[in-house]
């Protein structure tokens, strides 16, 4: 799938929080797209995404390098 179709497949509640997406290669050699959000995912938002077969890694959280108290959720779309 191309990037536009993957982003459009996200629910509007999640799509509004996307700040960055980047093409990556997973450990198994599979290509994917990492989607970084401007917030952490709530349990309700995670429930919306769990049924999507193209999304993996919903529990991933990144910390800002210079301000570790700032956290962002991210996940991969394959």
N, C-alpha and C. Protein backbone atom coordinates (compact mmCIF):
# COMPACT_ATOMS: atom_id res chain seq x y z
N UNK A 1 0.84 -1.19 0.00
CA UNK A 1 0.00 0.00 0.00
C UNK A 1 0.88 1.25 0.00
N UNK A 2 0.37 2.29 -0.60
CA UNK A 2 1.15 3.53 -0.57
C UNK A 2 0.82 4.34 0.69
N UNK A 3 1.62 5.35 0.94
CA UNK A 3 1.52 6.13 2.17
C UNK A 3 0.17 6.82 2.31
N UNK A 4 -0.33 7.39 1.26
CA UNK A 4 -1.61 8.12 1.33
C UNK A 4 -2.75 7.20 1.72
N UNK A 5 -2.79 5.99 1.16
CA UNK A 5 -3.86 5.05 1.49
C UNK A 5 -3.75 4.59 2.95
N UNK A 6 -2.52 4.39 3.43
CA UNK A 6 -2.35 3.97 4.82
C UNK A 6 -2.83 5.05 5.78
N UNK A 7 -2.44 6.29 5.54
CA UNK A 7 -2.86 7.39 6.42
C UNK A 7 -4.37 7.59 6.35
N UNK A 8 -4.95 7.49 5.16
CA UNK A 8 -6.40 7.66 5.02
C UNK A 8 -7.18 6.54 5.71
N UNK A 9 -6.56 5.38 5.92
CA UNK A 9 -7.26 4.27 6.57
C UNK A 9 -7.36 4.46 8.09
N UNK A 10 -6.66 5.45 8.63
CA UNK A 10 -6.74 5.71 10.08
C UNK A 10 -8.05 6.41 10.43
N UNK A 11 -8.57 6.13 11.62
CA UNK A 11 -9.78 6.85 12.07
C UNK A 11 -9.47 8.35 12.24
N UNK A 12 -10.46 9.22 12.04
CA UNK A 12 -10.22 10.67 12.16
C UNK A 12 -9.67 11.09 13.52
N UNK A 13 -10.09 10.40 14.59
CA UNK A 13 -9.60 10.75 15.93
C UNK A 13 -8.10 10.54 16.05
N UNK A 14 -7.55 9.61 15.29
CA UNK A 14 -6.12 9.32 15.32
C UNK A 14 -5.40 10.17 14.27
N UNK A 15 -6.00 10.30 13.10
CA UNK A 15 -5.37 11.01 11.99
C UNK A 15 -5.05 12.46 12.36
N UNK A 16 -5.85 13.07 13.20
CA UNK A 16 -5.62 14.46 13.62
C UNK A 16 -4.38 14.62 14.47
N UNK A 17 -3.88 13.54 15.06
CA UNK A 17 -2.71 13.59 15.95
C UNK A 17 -1.41 13.18 15.27
N UNK A 18 -1.44 12.81 14.01
CA UNK A 18 -0.23 12.38 13.31
C UNK A 18 0.66 13.59 13.06
N UNK A 19 1.93 13.50 13.51
CA UNK A 19 2.87 14.59 13.27
C UNK A 19 3.99 14.19 12.32
N UNK A 20 4.23 12.89 12.17
CA UNK A 20 5.30 12.47 11.28
C UNK A 20 5.08 11.02 10.89
N UNK A 21 5.46 10.68 9.68
CA UNK A 21 5.50 9.28 9.26
C UNK A 21 6.74 9.08 8.42
N UNK A 22 7.33 7.89 8.58
CA UNK A 22 8.61 7.61 7.94
C UNK A 22 8.64 6.16 7.50
N UNK A 23 9.15 5.92 6.30
CA UNK A 23 9.32 4.55 5.82
C UNK A 23 10.50 3.91 6.54
N UNK A 24 10.30 2.68 7.02
CA UNK A 24 11.34 1.96 7.75
C UNK A 24 11.36 0.50 7.29
N UNK A 25 12.41 -0.20 7.66
CA UNK A 25 12.52 -1.65 7.44
C UNK A 25 12.51 -2.31 8.81
N UNK A 26 11.58 -3.23 9.03
CA UNK A 26 11.49 -3.94 10.30
C UNK A 26 12.58 -5.00 10.39
N UNK A 27 12.77 -5.57 11.58
CA UNK A 27 13.83 -6.55 11.79
C UNK A 27 13.75 -7.75 10.85
N UNK A 28 12.58 -8.17 10.50
CA UNK A 28 12.41 -9.30 9.62
C UNK A 28 12.62 -8.96 8.14
N UNK A 29 12.95 -7.71 7.85
CA UNK A 29 13.17 -7.28 6.47
C UNK A 29 11.92 -6.75 5.80
N UNK A 30 10.82 -6.72 6.52
CA UNK A 30 9.56 -6.23 5.97
C UNK A 30 9.54 -4.71 5.97
N UNK A 31 9.08 -4.12 4.88
CA UNK A 31 8.98 -2.65 4.85
C UNK A 31 7.71 -2.22 5.55
N UNK A 32 7.78 -1.08 6.23
CA UNK A 32 6.64 -0.56 7.00
C UNK A 32 6.75 0.96 7.05
N UNK A 33 5.76 1.58 7.64
CA UNK A 33 5.76 3.01 7.84
C UNK A 33 5.53 3.28 9.33
N UNK A 34 6.45 4.04 9.94
CA UNK A 34 6.31 4.40 11.35
C UNK A 34 5.50 5.69 11.43
N UNK A 35 4.45 5.67 12.23
CA UNK A 35 3.57 6.83 12.39
C UNK A 35 3.75 7.37 13.80
N UNK A 36 4.19 8.61 13.92
CA UNK A 36 4.42 9.25 15.21
C UNK A 36 3.27 10.20 15.50
N UNK A 37 2.74 10.11 16.72
CA UNK A 37 1.61 10.95 17.14
C UNK A 37 2.09 12.01 18.11
N UNK A 38 1.32 13.08 18.26
CA UNK A 38 1.69 14.16 19.16
C UNK A 38 1.22 13.93 20.60
N UNK A 39 0.74 12.74 20.89
CA UNK A 39 0.24 12.42 22.23
C UNK A 39 0.43 10.91 22.46
N UNK A 40 0.08 10.46 23.64
CA UNK A 40 0.05 9.02 23.88
C UNK A 40 -1.36 8.52 23.61
N UNK A 41 -1.45 7.30 23.13
CA UNK A 41 -2.76 6.74 22.80
C UNK A 41 -3.53 6.38 24.06
N UNK A 42 -4.79 6.75 24.11
CA UNK A 42 -5.66 6.36 25.22
C UNK A 42 -6.16 4.94 24.95
N UNK A 43 -6.69 4.27 25.97
CA UNK A 43 -7.23 2.92 25.74
C UNK A 43 -8.33 2.90 24.67
N UNK A 44 -9.14 3.94 24.60
CA UNK A 44 -10.18 4.00 23.58
C UNK A 44 -9.61 4.12 22.17
N UNK A 45 -8.55 4.90 22.04
CA UNK A 45 -7.91 5.05 20.73
C UNK A 45 -7.22 3.74 20.32
N UNK A 46 -6.61 3.06 21.28
CA UNK A 46 -5.98 1.77 20.98
C UNK A 46 -7.03 0.76 20.53
N UNK A 47 -8.19 0.80 21.15
CA UNK A 47 -9.27 -0.13 20.77
C UNK A 47 -9.71 0.12 19.33
N UNK A 48 -9.72 1.39 18.90
CA UNK A 48 -10.08 1.71 17.51
C UNK A 48 -9.09 1.10 16.52
N UNK A 49 -7.82 1.07 16.90
CA UNK A 49 -6.77 0.63 15.99
C UNK A 49 -6.50 -0.87 16.02
N UNK A 50 -6.93 -1.56 17.07
CA UNK A 50 -6.63 -2.98 17.22
C UNK A 50 -7.24 -3.84 16.13
N UNK A 51 -8.33 -3.42 15.55
CA UNK A 51 -8.99 -4.22 14.52
C UNK A 51 -8.36 -4.04 13.15
N UNK A 52 -7.47 -3.07 12.99
CA UNK A 52 -6.82 -2.81 11.71
C UNK A 52 -5.67 -3.80 11.53
N UNK A 53 -5.73 -4.62 10.49
CA UNK A 53 -4.72 -5.66 10.28
C UNK A 53 -3.39 -5.09 9.79
N UNK A 54 -3.34 -3.82 9.40
CA UNK A 54 -2.12 -3.21 8.90
C UNK A 54 -1.30 -2.55 10.00
N UNK A 55 -1.78 -2.54 11.24
CA UNK A 55 -1.11 -1.82 12.33
C UNK A 55 -0.50 -2.81 13.31
N UNK A 56 0.78 -2.58 13.65
CA UNK A 56 1.46 -3.36 14.68
C UNK A 56 2.17 -2.40 15.63
N UNK A 57 2.41 -2.85 16.85
CA UNK A 57 3.17 -2.07 17.82
C UNK A 57 2.40 -0.93 18.45
N UNK A 58 1.18 -1.16 18.85
CA UNK A 58 0.37 -0.08 19.44
C UNK A 58 0.87 0.38 20.81
N UNK A 59 1.68 -0.41 21.46
CA UNK A 59 2.14 -0.06 22.81
C UNK A 59 3.43 0.75 22.81
N UNK A 60 3.97 1.10 21.64
CA UNK A 60 5.25 1.81 21.55
C UNK A 60 5.10 3.27 21.99
N UNK A 61 6.04 3.72 22.83
CA UNK A 61 6.05 5.10 23.31
C UNK A 61 7.49 5.62 23.20
N UNK A 62 7.65 6.78 22.61
CA UNK A 62 8.96 7.42 22.47
C UNK A 62 9.05 8.59 23.43
N UNK A 63 10.25 8.81 23.97
CA UNK A 63 10.49 9.96 24.83
C UNK A 63 11.34 10.97 24.09
N UNK A 64 11.10 12.24 24.33
CA UNK A 64 11.90 13.29 23.73
C UNK A 64 13.31 13.23 24.27
N UNK A 65 14.29 13.44 23.41
CA UNK A 65 15.70 13.32 23.80
C UNK A 65 16.09 14.31 24.89
N UNK A 66 15.65 15.54 24.77
CA UNK A 66 16.06 16.58 25.71
C UNK A 66 15.04 16.87 26.80
N UNK A 67 13.86 16.31 26.68
CA UNK A 67 12.82 16.46 27.70
C UNK A 67 12.10 15.13 27.86
N UNK A 68 12.67 14.21 28.65
CA UNK A 68 12.11 12.86 28.75
C UNK A 68 10.68 12.79 29.30
N UNK A 69 10.20 13.88 29.90
CA UNK A 69 8.82 13.88 30.39
C UNK A 69 7.81 13.99 29.24
N UNK A 70 8.26 14.39 28.06
CA UNK A 70 7.40 14.49 26.88
C UNK A 70 7.39 13.14 26.18
N UNK A 71 6.22 12.55 26.05
CA UNK A 71 6.09 11.22 25.45
C UNK A 71 5.15 11.26 24.26
N UNK A 72 5.48 10.47 23.25
CA UNK A 72 4.69 10.37 22.03
C UNK A 72 4.46 8.89 21.73
N UNK A 73 3.27 8.54 21.34
CA UNK A 73 2.99 7.18 20.87
C UNK A 73 3.39 7.06 19.41
N UNK A 74 3.78 5.86 19.03
CA UNK A 74 4.01 5.57 17.63
C UNK A 74 3.66 4.13 17.35
N UNK A 75 3.40 3.82 16.12
CA UNK A 75 3.08 2.45 15.71
C UNK A 75 3.53 2.27 14.27
N UNK A 76 3.50 1.04 13.83
CA UNK A 76 3.94 0.72 12.48
C UNK A 76 2.76 0.26 11.64
N UNK A 77 2.75 0.67 10.39
CA UNK A 77 1.73 0.23 9.44
C UNK A 77 2.43 -0.55 8.34
N UNK A 78 1.98 -1.77 8.12
CA UNK A 78 2.60 -2.63 7.10
C UNK A 78 1.65 -2.89 5.96
